[in-house]
Amino acid sequence: MRKNKKQLILKTLILCMTIFLFSAEAFSVILTNRGGDAYGDDGGGNLNCMDIKENSIIEGYIEEGGGYFLNALSNIITISNRIEMSNLQGIDYEELKKIVDSALNNIRNAKYTYYLLIQTALYTPYDQEVITKLKIFKYQAFMTKHSLNSVIFKEVEGYLMNGDITGTFIRIYNSFIKIEILLLSIKYEVVLNKMPSLPAIWEVNEEASNTLYFGQYITRVFYALQKNK
């Protein structure tokens, strides 16, 4: 009875996380979305046709990269589920290898997309009106009101208050690299039919979760700016 209850709780958790992830991707509001709003100024506060095009490209890369990352996150959660259930069900190493490969494929696609995003952002001027709004945004009040993780939000504040939007993309790109390295260490053990080390599982979960929160907090700030127009 206890075993069945534990399995039901785990299945319910996975189902809820899956619904959340697919909903997040469908509405494109999770990982630094609306960050493109900060780009496209000709220096005088006016948008021209080329600026609008670059703004759209940036936002497109953000959404595409976010989609790949969320897929990787879903894979990582599934890997953790298989490890969690191993004492009850054993491990199908062939299945686990496929899940790890899928996670690696998704995080590599996310990394490549963010590389393109960064290259585009580096050569696109900021919209100075948006940068000014970010500099005077009431971060402390926003964090308190929404009960946000203070450590991660303070990091977000450090970038946005200084108008370093491209820096947030670079920070996420570097996180993708860390996640890829951790997944490779997990794959190395799985292909040898060995249980992945728990520290690697913990670290990849923490890195992916922190990246999700970091990107989501950026999105929330940009949506708050849009709402206050």
Protein backbone atom coordinates (compact mmCIF):
# COMPACT_ATOMS: atom_id res chain seq x y z
CA MET A 1 0.00 0.00 0.00
CA ARG A 2 2.81 2.36 0.95
CA LYS A 3 4.68 1.48 -2.27
CA ASN A 4 1.61 2.21 -4.43
CA LYS A 5 1.06 5.53 -2.66
CA LYS A 6 4.67 6.60 -3.30
CA GLN A 7 4.38 5.66 -6.97
CA LEU A 8 1.11 7.62 -7.28
CA ILE A 9 2.70 10.73 -5.75
CA LEU A 10 5.70 10.52 -8.10
CA LYS A 11 3.51 9.99 -11.17
CA THR A 12 1.35 12.95 -10.17
CA LEU A 13 4.45 15.14 -9.72
CA ILE A 14 5.83 14.17 -13.13
CA LEU A 15 2.44 14.81 -14.76
CA CYS A 16 2.17 18.26 -13.19
CA MET A 17 5.73 19.16 -14.24
CA THR A 18 5.07 17.94 -17.78
CA ILE A 19 1.89 20.02 -18.06
CA PHE A 20 3.79 23.03 -16.72
CA LEU A 21 6.66 22.62 -19.16
CA PHE A 22 4.51 22.16 -22.25
CA SER A 23 2.28 25.07 -21.24
CA ALA A 24 5.35 27.23 -20.65
CA GLU A 25 6.75 26.47 -24.08
CA ALA A 26 3.40 26.99 -25.80
CA PHE A 27 2.95 30.50 -24.42
CA SER A 28 6.63 31.51 -24.77
CA VAL A 29 6.83 33.36 -21.47
CA ILE A 30 9.51 31.54 -19.52
CA LEU A 31 13.18 32.09 -20.41
CA THR A 32 14.13 35.78 -20.92
CA ASN A 33 11.11 36.31 -23.20
CA ARG A 34 10.45 39.97 -24.06
CA GLY A 35 14.20 40.52 -23.70
CA GLY A 36 14.06 41.57 -27.35
CA ASP A 37 12.14 44.66 -26.19
CA ALA A 38 15.46 46.08 -24.98
CA TYR A 39 16.92 46.18 -28.51
CA GLY A 40 16.32 48.26 -31.59
CA ASP A 41 17.17 51.89 -30.83
CA ASP A 42 18.86 54.06 -33.46
CA GLY A 43 20.43 56.13 -30.69
CA GLY A 44 17.71 58.74 -30.66
CA GLY A 45 14.94 56.67 -29.19
CA ASN A 46 13.39 55.81 -32.56
CA LEU A 47 12.89 52.46 -34.25
CA ASN A 48 13.58 51.98 -37.94
CA CYS A 49 12.76 49.02 -40.20
CA MET A 50 16.12 47.30 -39.64
CA ASP A 51 15.80 47.70 -35.86
CA ILE A 52 12.38 46.03 -35.89
CA LYS A 53 13.80 43.14 -37.93
CA GLU A 54 16.70 42.62 -35.50
CA ASN A 55 14.32 42.87 -32.54
CA SER A 56 12.17 40.09 -34.03
CA ILE A 57 15.21 37.91 -34.74
CA ILE A 58 16.39 38.30 -31.16
CA GLU A 59 12.99 37.40 -29.74
CA GLY A 60 12.78 34.44 -32.13
CA TYR A 61 16.12 33.09 -30.88
CA ILE A 62 14.98 33.60 -27.28
CA GLU A 63 11.82 31.58 -27.85
CA GLU A 64 13.58 28.83 -29.82
CA GLY A 65 16.39 28.50 -27.28
CA GLY A 66 13.90 28.51 -24.42
CA GLY A 67 11.93 25.73 -26.09
CA TYR A 68 15.02 23.54 -26.42
CA PHE A 69 16.01 24.26 -22.81
CA LEU A 70 12.57 23.33 -21.49
CA ASN A 71 12.74 20.07 -23.43
CA ALA A 72 16.14 19.37 -21.85
CA LEU A 73 14.71 20.21 -18.43
CA SER A 74 11.89 17.74 -19.02
CA ASN A 75 14.50 15.09 -19.92
CA ILE A 76 16.50 15.87 -16.78
CA ILE A 77 13.40 15.48 -14.61
CA THR A 78 12.71 12.13 -16.29
CA ILE A 79 16.30 10.99 -15.63
CA SER A 80 15.84 11.91 -11.97
CA ASN A 81 12.58 9.99 -11.90
CA ARG A 82 14.27 6.83 -13.22
CA ILE A 83 16.99 7.12 -10.57
CA GLU A 84 14.42 7.77 -7.85
CA MET A 85 12.40 4.69 -8.85
CA SER A 86 15.43 2.41 -9.37
CA ASN A 87 15.10 0.64 -6.01
CA LEU A 88 11.52 -0.28 -6.84
CA GLN A 89 11.71 -0.97 -10.56
CA GLY A 90 15.38 -1.36 -11.41
CA ILE A 91 16.98 0.59 -14.27
CA ASP A 92 16.51 0.04 -17.98
CA TYR A 93 19.90 1.37 -19.09
CA GLU A 94 18.97 1.38 -22.78
CA GLU A 95 15.97 3.58 -22.05
CA LEU A 96 18.01 5.79 -19.71
CA LYS A 97 20.70 6.23 -22.37
CA LYS A 98 18.04 7.42 -24.86
CA ILE A 99 16.71 9.94 -22.34
CA VAL A 100 20.22 11.25 -21.60
CA ASP A 101 20.94 11.50 -25.35
CA SER A 102 17.72 13.45 -25.81
CA ALA A 103 18.71 15.81 -22.99
CA LEU A 104 22.13 16.32 -24.56
CA ASN A 105 20.63 16.96 -27.99
CA ASN A 106 18.20 19.52 -26.58
CA ILE A 107 20.76 21.37 -24.45
CA ARG A 108 23.19 21.50 -27.40
CA ASN A 109 20.46 22.96 -29.59
CA ALA A 110 19.66 25.47 -26.85
CA LYS A 111 23.35 26.36 -26.57
CA TYR A 112 23.75 26.84 -30.33
CA THR A 113 20.60 28.95 -30.53
CA TYR A 114 21.82 31.14 -27.68
CA TYR A 115 25.17 31.50 -29.42
CA LEU A 116 23.32 32.94 -32.44
CA LEU A 117 21.24 35.08 -30.09
CA ILE A 118 24.33 36.53 -28.45
CA GLN A 119 26.03 37.27 -31.78
CA THR A 120 22.93 39.11 -32.98
CA ALA A 121 22.49 41.00 -29.69
CA LEU A 122 26.12 42.14 -29.62
CA TYR A 123 25.63 44.05 -32.88
CA THR A 124 22.17 45.42 -32.14
CA PRO A 125 21.88 48.70 -30.21
CA TYR A 126 19.73 48.89 -27.10
CA ASP A 127 16.46 50.78 -26.91
CA GLN A 128 17.56 53.47 -24.45
CA GLU A 129 14.01 54.12 -23.26
CA VAL A 130 13.71 50.50 -22.09
CA ILE A 131 17.20 50.57 -20.55
CA THR A 132 16.24 53.68 -18.55
CA LYS A 133 13.09 51.93 -17.28
CA LEU A 134 15.17 48.94 -16.21
CA LYS A 135 17.58 51.17 -14.30
CA ILE A 136 14.80 52.80 -12.25
CA PHE A 137 12.66 49.67 -11.83
CA LYS A 138 11.75 48.98 -8.17
CA TYR A 139 13.42 45.58 -7.89
CA GLN A 140 13.21 45.16 -4.11
CA ALA A 141 9.49 45.88 -4.01
CA PHE A 142 8.88 43.53 -6.96
CA MET A 143 10.87 40.73 -5.30
CA THR A 144 9.02 41.14 -2.01
CA LYS A 145 5.59 41.33 -3.61
CA HIS A 146 6.07 38.10 -5.59
CA SER A 147 8.11 36.23 -2.92
CA LEU A 148 10.97 35.54 -5.36
CA ASN A 149 14.21 33.70 -4.60
CA SER A 150 16.36 36.58 -3.32
CA VAL A 151 19.73 35.12 -4.35
CA ILE A 152 18.72 34.52 -7.97
CA PHE A 153 16.68 37.71 -8.26
CA LYS A 154 19.56 39.82 -6.94
CA GLU A 155 21.69 38.36 -9.72
CA VAL A 156 19.00 39.29 -12.24
CA GLU A 157 18.82 42.78 -10.76
CA GLY A 158 22.58 43.17 -11.15
CA TYR A 159 22.33 42.63 -14.89
CA LEU A 160 19.10 44.52 -15.62
CA MET A 161 19.80 47.54 -13.44
CA ASN A 162 23.05 48.01 -15.37
CA GLY A 163 21.29 47.58 -18.71
CA ASP A 164 23.31 44.46 -19.51
CA ILE A 165 20.66 42.39 -21.33
CA THR A 166 23.20 40.67 -23.56
CA GLY A 167 25.04 39.68 -20.38
CA THR A 168 21.99 37.72 -19.23
CA PHE A 169 22.08 35.74 -22.48
CA ILE A 170 25.78 35.00 -21.97
CA ARG A 171 25.11 33.92 -18.39
CA ILE A 172 22.42 31.47 -19.56
CA TYR A 173 24.67 30.23 -22.38
CA ASN A 174 27.37 29.42 -19.81
CA SER A 175 24.80 27.54 -17.75
CA PHE A 176 23.93 25.47 -20.81
CA ILE A 177 27.61 24.54 -21.10
CA LYS A 178 27.66 23.40 -17.44
CA ILE A 179 24.50 21.34 -17.95
CA GLU A 180 26.00 19.72 -21.05
CA ILE A 181 29.18 18.76 -19.16
CA LEU A 182 27.15 17.26 -16.29
CA LEU A 183 24.98 15.30 -18.73
CA LEU A 184 28.10 13.95 -20.44
CA SER A 185 29.39 12.69 -17.08
CA ILE A 186 26.04 11.00 -16.49
CA LYS A 187 26.08 9.46 -19.97
CA TYR A 188 29.59 8.09 -19.42
CA GLU A 189 28.32 6.03 -16.48
CA VAL A 190 25.04 5.02 -18.13
CA VAL A 191 26.74 3.56 -21.24
CA LEU A 192 28.76 1.36 -18.86
CA ASN A 193 25.48 0.22 -17.26
CA LYS A 194 26.41 2.00 -14.05
CA MET A 195 24.19 4.05 -11.78
CA PRO A 196 24.95 7.77 -12.39
CA SER A 197 26.62 9.42 -9.41
CA LEU A 198 24.19 11.23 -7.14
CA PRO A 199 26.31 14.43 -7.03
CA ALA A 200 26.03 14.70 -10.84
CA ILE A 201 22.26 14.18 -10.67
CA TRP A 202 21.91 16.78 -7.91
CA GLU A 203 24.14 19.29 -9.69
CA VAL A 204 22.41 19.02 -13.07
CA ASN A 205 19.02 19.44 -11.38
CA GLU A 206 20.21 22.48 -9.46
CA GLU A 207 21.89 24.10 -12.47
CA ALA A 208 18.84 23.57 -14.67
CA SER A 209 16.44 24.80 -11.97
CA ASN A 210 18.50 27.91 -11.23
CA THR A 211 18.71 28.66 -14.95
CA LEU A 212 14.94 28.34 -15.24
CA TYR A 213 14.38 30.75 -12.36
CA PHE A 214 16.98 33.20 -13.64
CA GLY A 215 15.43 33.36 -17.10
CA GLN A 216 11.89 33.43 -15.77
CA TYR A 217 12.62 36.34 -13.42
CA ILE A 218 13.97 38.33 -16.36
CA THR A 219 10.77 37.63 -18.26
CA ARG A 220 8.66 38.72 -15.30
CA VAL A 221 10.48 42.04 -15.07
CA PHE A 222 9.99 42.73 -18.79
CA TYR A 223 6.32 41.83 -18.56
CA ALA A 224 5.98 44.19 -15.60
CA LEU A 225 7.53 46.98 -17.70
CA GLN A 226 5.11 46.23 -20.54
CA LYS A 227 2.16 46.24 -18.13
CA ASN A 228 3.18 49.64 -16.73
CA LYS A 229 3.32 51.33 -20.15
